[in-house]
Amino acid sequence: MAKSQNFTLAQPAQVDAAVDGQLARVDPALAKFDSLPDAAHVRLPVVLALYACSRATAWRHVKAGLIPAPVKFSERITAWNVGVLRKHLMKMN
């Protein structure tokens, strides 16, 4: 009889950041966005934080051309190129 194994799903690591005197959970990709290479890709939660909007608004802005379009890696994986996001954010400011 084989020994039973317990598997746990890995949760994405989060970074604690002080916001208005309170600790808030921040996606590590967002916390290190400035140090990511331009060829890297980030998922929707990072884009939501960068543009300070909801999921629906982000997709509405993508459709209207106000946020760069993401890259579709597979049926369920969509991500934005960091270099493209940086250029767009610089143009906005």
C-alpha atoms as a PDB file:
ATOM      1  CA  MET A   1       0.000   0.000   0.000  1.00  0.00           C
ATOM      2  CA  ALA A   2       1.376   3.390  -1.003  1.00  0.00           C
ATOM      3  CA  LYS A   3       1.919   6.065   1.556  1.00  0.00           C
ATOM      4  CA  SER A   4      -0.713   8.798   1.219  1.00  0.00           C
ATOM      5  CA  GLN A   5       0.502  12.246   0.337  1.00  0.00           C
ATOM      6  CA  ASN A   6      -1.052  15.538   1.289  1.00  0.00           C
ATOM      7  CA  PHE A   7      -0.831  18.186  -1.383  1.00  0.00           C
ATOM      8  CA  THR A   8      -1.478  21.857  -0.831  1.00  0.00           C
ATOM      9  CA  LEU A   9      -2.020  24.396  -3.529  1.00  0.00           C
ATOM     10  CA  ALA A  10       0.554  27.136  -3.607  1.00  0.00           C
ATOM     11  CA  GLN A  11      -0.916  30.549  -3.023  1.00  0.00           C
ATOM     12  CA  PRO A  12       0.640  33.544  -4.766  1.00  0.00           C
ATOM     13  CA  ALA A  13       3.048  35.294  -2.484  1.00  0.00           C
ATOM     14  CA  GLN A  14       1.940  38.701  -1.348  1.00  0.00           C
ATOM     15  CA  VAL A  15       3.875  41.614   0.024  1.00  0.00           C
ATOM     16  CA  ASP A  16       2.676  43.680   2.959  1.00  0.00           C
ATOM     17  CA  ALA A  17       2.728  47.411   2.282  1.00  0.00           C
ATOM     18  CA  ALA A  18       1.737  50.276   4.544  1.00  0.00           C
ATOM     19  CA  VAL A  19      -1.119  52.271   3.047  1.00  0.00           C
ATOM     20  CA  ASP A  20      -2.539  55.123   5.116  1.00  0.00           C
ATOM     21  CA  GLY A  21      -1.042  53.609   8.252  1.00  0.00           C
ATOM     22  CA  GLN A  22      -2.618  50.193   7.634  1.00  0.00           C
ATOM     23  CA  LEU A  23      -1.055  47.092   6.173  1.00  0.00           C
ATOM     24  CA  ALA A  24      -2.424  46.084   2.782  1.00  0.00           C
ATOM     25  CA  ARG A  25      -1.719  43.006   0.661  1.00  0.00           C
ATOM     26  CA  VAL A  26       0.055  43.899  -2.585  1.00  0.00           C
ATOM     27  CA  ASP A  27       0.786  41.639  -5.537  1.00  0.00           C
ATOM     28  CA  PRO A  28       4.569  41.082  -5.721  1.00  0.00           C
ATOM     29  CA  ALA A  29       4.566  41.911  -9.437  1.00  0.00           C
ATOM     30  CA  LEU A  30       3.098  45.317  -8.601  1.00  0.00           C
ATOM     31  CA  ALA A  31       5.497  45.894  -5.716  1.00  0.00           C
ATOM     32  CA  LYS A  32       8.447  45.169  -8.043  1.00  0.00           C
ATOM     33  CA  PHE A  33       6.929  46.614 -11.242  1.00  0.00           C
ATOM     34  CA  ASP A  34       9.765  49.136 -11.651  1.00  0.00           C
ATOM     35  CA  SER A  35      12.402  46.402 -11.552  1.00  0.00           C
ATOM     36  CA  LEU A  36      10.662  44.024 -13.990  1.00  0.00           C
ATOM     37  CA  PRO A  37      12.236  43.801 -17.451  1.00  0.00           C
ATOM     38  CA  ASP A  38      10.298  45.304 -20.373  1.00  0.00           C
ATOM     39  CA  ALA A  39       9.848  41.807 -21.820  1.00  0.00           C
ATOM     40  CA  ALA A  40       7.996  40.590 -18.703  1.00  0.00           C
ATOM     41  CA  HIS A  41       4.221  40.184 -18.559  1.00  0.00           C
ATOM     42  CA  VAL A  42       1.782  40.939 -15.737  1.00  0.00           C
ATOM     43  CA  ARG A  43      -1.755  39.735 -15.136  1.00  0.00           C
ATOM     44  CA  LEU A  44      -4.987  41.678 -14.660  1.00  0.00           C
ATOM     45  CA  PRO A  45      -4.660  42.460 -10.897  1.00  0.00           C
ATOM     46  CA  VAL A  46      -1.473  44.454 -11.567  1.00  0.00           C
ATOM     47  CA  VAL A  47      -3.127  46.379 -14.412  1.00  0.00           C
ATOM     48  CA  LEU A  48      -6.109  47.140 -12.160  1.00  0.00           C
ATOM     49  CA  ALA A  49      -3.769  48.603  -9.543  1.00  0.00           C
ATOM     50  CA  LEU A  50      -1.719  50.594 -12.083  1.00  0.00           C
ATOM     51  CA  TYR A  51      -4.793  52.205 -13.616  1.00  0.00           C
ATOM     52  CA  ALA A  52      -6.843  52.287 -10.380  1.00  0.00           C
ATOM     53  CA  CYS A  53      -9.979  50.824 -11.914  1.00  0.00           C
ATOM     54  CA  SER A  54     -12.285  47.809 -11.683  1.00  0.00           C
ATOM     55  CA  ARG A  55     -12.159  44.722 -13.904  1.00  0.00           C
ATOM     56  CA  ALA A  56     -15.104  45.896 -15.979  1.00  0.00           C
ATOM     57  CA  THR A  57     -13.632  49.362 -16.441  1.00  0.00           C
ATOM     58  CA  ALA A  58     -10.236  47.921 -17.407  1.00  0.00           C
ATOM     59  CA  TRP A  59     -11.770  45.774 -20.135  1.00  0.00           C
ATOM     60  CA  ARG A  60     -13.933  48.681 -21.283  1.00  0.00           C
ATOM     61  CA  HIS A  61     -10.772  50.834 -21.537  1.00  0.00           C
ATOM     62  CA  VAL A  62      -8.964  48.099 -23.477  1.00  0.00           C
ATOM     63  CA  LYS A  63     -11.866  47.957 -25.939  1.00  0.00           C
ATOM     64  CA  ALA A  64     -11.818  51.766 -26.292  1.00  0.00           C
ATOM     65  CA  GLY A  65      -8.017  51.831 -26.715  1.00  0.00           C
ATOM     66  CA  LEU A  66      -7.402  53.703 -23.448  1.00  0.00           C
ATOM     67  CA  ILE A  67      -5.354  50.803 -22.011  1.00  0.00           C
ATOM     68  CA  PRO A  68      -2.997  48.749 -24.204  1.00  0.00           C
ATOM     69  CA  ALA A  69      -4.371  45.417 -25.387  1.00  0.00           C
ATOM     70  CA  PRO A  70      -3.137  42.298 -23.580  1.00  0.00           C
ATOM     71  CA  VAL A  71      -1.468  39.241 -25.086  1.00  0.00           C
ATOM     72  CA  LYS A  72      -3.502  36.022 -25.050  1.00  0.00           C
ATOM     73  CA  PHE A  73      -1.164  33.144 -24.116  1.00  0.00           C
ATOM     74  CA  SER A  74      -3.881  30.496 -23.945  1.00  0.00           C
ATOM     75  CA  GLU A  75      -7.620  30.183 -23.563  1.00  0.00           C
ATOM     76  CA  ARG A  76      -7.471  31.195 -19.892  1.00  0.00           C
ATOM     77  CA  ILE A  77      -4.226  33.179 -19.652  1.00  0.00           C
ATOM     78  CA  THR A  78      -4.086  36.823 -20.655  1.00  0.00           C
ATOM     79  CA  ALA A  79      -1.271  39.177 -19.678  1.00  0.00           C
ATOM     80  CA  TRP A  80       0.044  42.630 -20.484  1.00  0.00           C
ATOM     81  CA  ASN A  81       3.596  43.395 -21.601  1.00  0.00           C
ATOM     82  CA  VAL A  82       5.409  45.485 -18.982  1.00  0.00           C
ATOM     83  CA  GLY A  83       7.279  47.587 -21.569  1.00  0.00           C
ATOM     84  CA  VAL A  84       4.057  48.509 -23.372  1.00  0.00           C
ATOM     85  CA  LEU A  85       2.367  49.424 -20.074  1.00  0.00           C
ATOM     86  CA  ARG A  86       5.343  51.601 -19.039  1.00  0.00           C
ATOM     87  CA  LYS A  87       5.323  53.490 -22.339  1.00  0.00           C
ATOM     88  CA  HIS A  88       1.578  54.044 -22.076  1.00  0.00           C
ATOM     89  CA  LEU A  89       1.772  55.227 -18.466  1.00  0.00           C
ATOM     90  CA  MET A  90       4.603  57.639 -19.367  1.00  0.00           C
ATOM     91  CA  LYS A  91       2.528  59.041 -22.246  1.00  0.00           C
ATOM     92  CA  MET A  92      -0.402  59.580 -19.868  1.00  0.00           C
ATOM     93  CA  ASN A  93       1.709  61.714 -17.499  1.00  0.00           C
END
